[in-house]
C-alpha atoms as a PDB file:
ATOM      1  CA  MET A   1     -63.481 -85.010 -45.189  1.00  0.00           C
ATOM      2  CA  GLU A   2     -62.079 -87.845 -47.216  1.00  0.00           C
ATOM      3  CA  GLN A   3     -58.822 -89.821 -46.161  1.00  0.00           C
ATOM      4  CA  ASN A   4     -56.515 -90.842 -48.858  1.00  0.00           C
ATOM      5  CA  ASN A   5     -54.858 -94.264 -47.985  1.00  0.00           C
ATOM      6  CA  PHE A   6     -52.783 -94.417 -51.128  1.00  0.00           C
ATOM      7  CA  ASP A   7     -49.374 -95.846 -50.635  1.00  0.00           C
ATOM      8  CA  ILE A   8     -46.977 -95.464 -53.730  1.00  0.00           C
ATOM      9  CA  LYS A   9     -44.380 -97.609 -51.715  1.00  0.00           C
ATOM     10  CA  LYS A  10     -46.945-100.710 -52.385  1.00  0.00           C
ATOM     11  CA  ILE A  11     -47.142-100.279 -56.064  1.00  0.00           C
ATOM     12  CA  LYS A  12     -45.359-102.960 -58.083  1.00  0.00           C
ATOM     13  CA  VAL A  13     -44.857-102.293 -61.835  1.00  0.00           C
ATOM     14  CA  TYR A  14     -45.151-105.195 -64.247  1.00  0.00           C
ATOM     15  CA  ARG A  15     -43.961-105.635 -67.721  1.00  0.00           C
ATOM     16  CA  THR A  16     -46.600-104.801 -70.215  1.00  0.00           C
ATOM     17  CA  THR A  17     -47.343-104.431 -74.035  1.00  0.00           C
ATOM     18  CA  GLU A  18     -46.720-100.763 -73.524  1.00  0.00           C
ATOM     19  CA  ALA A  19     -43.686-101.298 -71.619  1.00  0.00           C
ATOM     20  CA  THR A  20     -42.287-103.671 -74.103  1.00  0.00           C
ATOM     21  CA  VAL A  21     -43.339-101.127 -77.145  1.00  0.00           C
ATOM     22  CA  PHE A  22     -41.224 -98.316 -75.334  1.00  0.00           C
ATOM     23  CA  GLU A  23     -38.312-100.575 -74.391  1.00  0.00           C
ATOM     24  CA  VAL A  24     -38.045-101.963 -78.183  1.00  0.00           C
ATOM     25  CA  ALA A  25     -38.367 -98.365 -79.395  1.00  0.00           C
ATOM     26  CA  PHE A  26     -35.412 -97.096 -76.693  1.00  0.00           C
ATOM     27  CA  ALA A  27     -33.253-100.027 -77.930  1.00  0.00           C
ATOM     28  CA  ILE A  28     -33.823 -98.993 -81.738  1.00  0.00           C
ATOM     29  CA  VAL A  29     -33.176 -95.301 -80.952  1.00  0.00           C
ATOM     30  CA  ALA A  30     -30.264 -96.265 -78.680  1.00  0.00           C
ATOM     31  CA  ILE A  31     -28.493 -98.566 -81.651  1.00  0.00           C
ATOM     32  CA  ILE A  32     -29.107 -95.696 -84.531  1.00  0.00           C
ATOM     33  CA  ALA A  33     -27.718 -93.089 -82.221  1.00  0.00           C
ATOM     34  CA  TRP A  34     -24.673 -95.023 -81.518  1.00  0.00           C
ATOM     35  CA  ALA A  35     -24.190 -96.123 -85.031  1.00  0.00           C
ATOM     36  CA  LEU A  36     -23.950 -92.650 -85.923  1.00  0.00           C
ATOM     37  CA  ILE A  37     -21.566 -91.605 -83.060  1.00  0.00           C
ATOM     38  CA  ILE A  38     -19.224 -94.197 -83.954  1.00  0.00           C
ATOM     39  CA  TRP A  39     -19.728 -93.077 -87.815  1.00  0.00           C
ATOM     40  CA  LEU A  40     -18.924 -89.407 -86.556  1.00  0.00           C
ATOM     41  CA  VAL A  41     -16.046 -90.534 -84.487  1.00  0.00           C
ATOM     42  CA  HIS A  42     -14.271 -92.531 -87.546  1.00  0.00           C
ATOM     43  CA  ARG A  43     -14.830 -89.522 -89.727  1.00  0.00           C
ATOM     44  CA  ALA A  44     -13.797 -86.704 -87.258  1.00  0.00           C
ATOM     45  CA  PRO A  45     -10.247 -85.119 -87.805  1.00  0.00           C
ATOM     46  CA  ASP A  46      -7.527 -85.849 -85.023  1.00  0.00           C
ATOM     47  CA  ILE A  47      -8.269 -82.763 -82.790  1.00  0.00           C
ATOM     48  CA  VAL A  48     -12.068 -81.723 -82.244  1.00  0.00           C
ATOM     49  CA  PRO A  49     -13.706 -79.329 -80.193  1.00  0.00           C
ATOM     50  CA  THR A  50     -14.680 -80.763 -76.736  1.00  0.00           C
ATOM     51  CA  HIS A  51     -16.072 -77.893 -74.491  1.00  0.00           C
ATOM     52  CA  PHE A  52     -17.932 -74.910 -75.638  1.00  0.00           C
ATOM     53  CA  ASP A  53     -18.255 -71.419 -74.000  1.00  0.00           C
ATOM     54  CA  ALA A  54     -21.902 -69.801 -73.268  1.00  0.00           C
ATOM     55  CA  SER A  55     -21.992 -68.242 -76.835  1.00  0.00           C
ATOM     56  CA  GLY A  56     -21.420 -71.686 -78.275  1.00  0.00           C
ATOM     57  CA  LYS A  57     -17.772 -71.204 -79.442  1.00  0.00           C
ATOM     58  CA  PRO A  58     -15.326 -73.856 -78.468  1.00  0.00           C
ATOM     59  CA  ASN A  59     -12.907 -73.365 -75.530  1.00  0.00           C
ATOM     60  CA  ALA A  60     -11.230 -76.721 -75.809  1.00  0.00           C
ATOM     61  CA  TYR A  61     -10.083 -79.518 -77.879  1.00  0.00           C
ATOM     62  CA  GLY A  62      -9.256 -83.155 -77.556  1.00  0.00           C
ATOM     63  CA  THR A  63      -9.565 -86.488 -79.534  1.00  0.00           C
ATOM     64  CA  PRO A  64     -12.648 -87.704 -81.111  1.00  0.00           C
ATOM     65  CA  ALA A  65     -12.544 -90.801 -78.787  1.00  0.00           C
ATOM     66  CA  GLY A  66     -12.577 -88.408 -75.848  1.00  0.00           C
ATOM     67  CA  ALA A  67     -15.833 -86.795 -77.301  1.00  0.00           C
ATOM     68  CA  THR A  68     -17.750 -90.071 -76.473  1.00  0.00           C
ATOM     69  CA  ILE A  69     -17.323 -89.676 -73.002  1.00  0.00           C
ATOM     70  CA  PRO A  70     -20.347 -87.578 -72.298  1.00  0.00           C
ATOM     71  CA  CYS A  71     -22.458 -89.344 -74.915  1.00  0.00           C
ATOM     72  CA  VAL A  72     -21.695 -92.574 -72.716  1.00  0.00           C
ATOM     73  CA  ILE A  73     -22.764 -91.001 -69.465  1.00  0.00           C
ATOM     74  CA  LEU A  74     -25.949 -89.385 -71.187  1.00  0.00           C
ATOM     75  CA  THR A  75     -26.856 -92.754 -72.549  1.00  0.00           C
ATOM     76  CA  ILE A  76     -26.400 -94.325 -68.927  1.00  0.00           C
ATOM     77  CA  ALA A  77     -28.588 -91.529 -67.723  1.00  0.00           C
ATOM     78  CA  ALA A  78     -31.245 -92.499 -70.227  1.00  0.00           C
ATOM     79  CA  ILE A  79     -31.059 -96.198 -69.311  1.00  0.00           C
ATOM     80  CA  VAL A  80     -31.624 -95.108 -65.969  1.00  0.00           C
ATOM     81  CA  MET A  81     -34.566 -93.376 -66.843  1.00  0.00           C
ATOM     82  CA  MET A  82     -36.081 -96.644 -68.546  1.00  0.00           C
ATOM     83  CA  VAL A  83     -35.400 -98.656 -65.444  1.00  0.00           C
ATOM     84  CA  LEU A  84     -36.444 -96.263 -62.785  1.00  0.00           C
ATOM     85  CA  ALA A  85     -40.154 -96.693 -64.492  1.00  0.00           C
ATOM     86  CA  TYR A  86     -40.503-100.324 -62.767  1.00  0.00           C
ATOM     87  CA  PHE A  87     -39.704 -98.558 -59.391  1.00  0.00           C
ATOM     88  CA  PRO A  88     -42.139 -95.857 -59.277  1.00  0.00           C
ATOM     89  CA  ARG A  89     -41.513 -95.175 -55.512  1.00  0.00           C
ATOM     90  CA  HIS A  90     -38.229 -93.514 -56.284  1.00  0.00           C
ATOM     91  CA  ILE A  91     -39.395 -91.248 -58.888  1.00  0.00           C
ATOM     92  CA  ASN A  92     -39.076 -87.831 -57.231  1.00  0.00           C
ATOM     93  CA  MET A  93     -42.055 -85.554 -58.583  1.00  0.00           C
ATOM     94  CA  PRO A  94     -42.845 -81.798 -57.475  1.00  0.00           C
ATOM     95  CA  PHE A  95     -45.746 -82.664 -55.997  1.00  0.00           C
ATOM     96  CA  LYS A  96     -47.347 -85.664 -54.085  1.00  0.00           C
ATOM     97  CA  ILE A  97     -48.440 -88.746 -55.959  1.00  0.00           C
ATOM     98  CA  THR A  98     -51.823 -89.612 -54.689  1.00  0.00           C
ATOM     99  CA  ASN A  99     -53.598 -92.236 -57.277  1.00  0.00           C
ATOM    100  CA  ILE A 100     -52.950 -94.926 -59.574  1.00  0.00           C
ATOM    101  CA  ARG A 101     -53.644 -92.566 -62.694  1.00  0.00           C
ATOM    102  CA  GLN A 102     -51.007 -90.556 -61.709  1.00  0.00           C
ATOM    103  CA  VAL A 103     -48.570 -93.329 -61.516  1.00  0.00           C
ATOM    104  CA  GLU A 104     -49.199 -94.451 -64.904  1.00  0.00           C
ATOM    105  CA  LEU A 105     -48.655 -91.444 -66.283  1.00  0.00           C
ATOM    106  CA  THR A 106     -45.322 -90.887 -64.391  1.00  0.00           C
ATOM    107  CA  ILE A 107     -44.118 -94.108 -65.564  1.00  0.00           C
ATOM    108  CA  ARG A 108     -44.816 -93.197 -69.021  1.00  0.00           C
ATOM    109  CA  GLN A 109     -43.311 -89.741 -68.673  1.00  0.00           C
ATOM    110  CA  LEU A 110     -40.071 -91.681 -67.806  1.00  0.00           C
ATOM    111  CA  ARG A 111     -40.294 -93.846 -70.559  1.00  0.00           C
ATOM    112  CA  ILE A 112     -40.609 -91.172 -73.144  1.00  0.00           C
ATOM    113  CA  ALA A 113     -38.160 -89.101 -71.541  1.00  0.00           C
ATOM    114  CA  GLY A 114     -35.749 -92.017 -71.557  1.00  0.00           C
ATOM    115  CA  ILE A 115     -35.967 -92.216 -75.265  1.00  0.00           C
ATOM    116  CA  THR A 116     -35.920 -88.361 -75.775  1.00  0.00           C
ATOM    117  CA  ILE A 117     -32.799 -88.070 -73.756  1.00  0.00           C
ATOM    118  CA  LEU A 118     -30.969 -90.890 -76.128  1.00  0.00           C
ATOM    119  CA  PHE A 119     -31.197 -87.797 -78.838  1.00  0.00           C
ATOM    120  CA  LEU A 120     -28.830 -86.003 -76.376  1.00  0.00           C
ATOM    121  CA  PRO A 121     -25.750 -87.972 -76.922  1.00  0.00           C
ATOM    122  CA  LEU A 122     -26.191 -87.856 -80.665  1.00  0.00           C
ATOM    123  CA  THR A 123     -26.705 -84.074 -80.359  1.00  0.00           C
ATOM    124  CA  VAL A 124     -23.432 -83.899 -78.702  1.00  0.00           C
ATOM    125  CA  ALA A 125     -21.241 -86.065 -81.013  1.00  0.00           C
ATOM    126  CA  TYR A 126     -22.685 -84.020 -83.757  1.00  0.00           C
ATOM    127  CA  MET A 127     -21.683 -80.721 -82.105  1.00  0.00           C
ATOM    128  CA  MET A 128     -18.240 -81.880 -81.302  1.00  0.00           C
ATOM    129  CA  LEU A 129     -17.394 -84.108 -84.291  1.00  0.00           C
ATOM    130  CA  GLY A 130     -19.740 -83.505 -87.235  1.00  0.00           C
ATOM    131  CA  MET A 131     -20.376 -79.631 -87.245  1.00  0.00           C
ATOM    132  CA  LYS A 132     -18.152 -77.519 -89.863  1.00  0.00           C
ATOM    133  CA  THR A 133     -18.820 -74.403 -87.641  1.00  0.00           C
ATOM    134  CA  PRO A 134     -19.521 -75.478 -84.027  1.00  0.00           C
ATOM    135  CA  SER A 135     -22.547 -73.895 -82.263  1.00  0.00           C
ATOM    136  CA  ALA A 136     -24.703 -74.802 -79.351  1.00  0.00           C
ATOM    137  CA  THR A 137     -28.187 -74.404 -81.052  1.00  0.00           C
ATOM    138  CA  PRO A 138     -28.830 -78.091 -81.820  1.00  0.00           C
ATOM    139  CA  LEU A 139     -28.225 -78.929 -78.162  1.00  0.00           C
ATOM    140  CA  LEU A 140     -30.200 -75.985 -76.958  1.00  0.00           C
ATOM    141  CA  VAL A 141     -33.257 -77.074 -79.207  1.00  0.00           C
ATOM    142  CA  VAL A 142     -32.979 -80.808 -77.674  1.00  0.00           C
ATOM    143  CA  VAL A 143     -32.825 -79.611 -74.256  1.00  0.00           C
ATOM    144  CA  GLY A 144     -35.523 -77.079 -74.749  1.00  0.00           C
ATOM    145  CA  LEU A 145     -37.763 -79.902 -76.036  1.00  0.00           C
ATOM    146  CA  ILE A 146     -36.979 -82.251 -72.926  1.00  0.00           C
ATOM    147  CA  LEU A 147     -37.658 -79.519 -70.699  1.00  0.00           C
ATOM    148  CA  LEU A 148     -41.087 -78.758 -72.396  1.00  0.00           C
ATOM    149  CA  GLU A 149     -41.881 -82.605 -72.638  1.00  0.00           C
ATOM    150  CA  PHE A 150     -41.367 -82.352 -68.604  1.00  0.00           C
ATOM    151  CA  ILE A 151     -43.274 -79.452 -68.082  1.00  0.00           C
ATOM    152  CA  VAL A 152     -46.380 -80.690 -70.107  1.00  0.00           C
ATOM    153  CA  THR A 153     -46.635 -84.169 -68.809  1.00  0.00           C
ATOM    154  CA  SER A 154     -46.153 -82.932 -64.971  1.00  0.00           C
ATOM    155  CA  ILE A 155     -49.055 -80.643 -65.633  1.00  0.00           C
ATOM    156  CA  LEU A 156     -51.075 -83.759 -66.823  1.00  0.00           C
ATOM    157  CA  ILE A 157     -49.917 -85.866 -64.269  1.00  0.00           C
ATOM    158  CA  TYR A 158     -50.449 -83.062 -61.572  1.00  0.00           C
ATOM    159  CA  ARG A 159     -54.247 -82.663 -62.886  1.00  0.00           C
ATOM    160  CA  ALA A 160     -54.690 -86.249 -62.993  1.00  0.00           C
ATOM    161  CA  LYS A 161     -55.696 -86.006 -59.265  1.00  0.00           C
END
């Protein structure tokens, strides 16, 4: 029986061309998303829906500026994902990572997720500030895509044993 001496704590991640491409793409998507969010805030009425019930109907209202709070939090979460790609020992997977190929795929998963998660603040802002008839459908679509992304990439990472 072969002993696996792989230790993820010894892995150091350095900047690569792939990392730079992901980070530039992240910056472009973030700038576009926030430009659209700011545009939505400026054209929104004085009172907007800020919370929705399970059926997607608004049940709380506030100012357009207050609607940006979840957008800021989601953007910070996306930034954390991009930074976490440089520290794979802190990445929590539902299985043990046992080789460098799994580490590479996990880092790529985080970078893709960081970019994808940037669509959440834009979707939230659109739901609160831009929709004529508020609905949770856009948010459910984006969350569904993110979940599908994590499921597919997790399976690929697991199979890379």
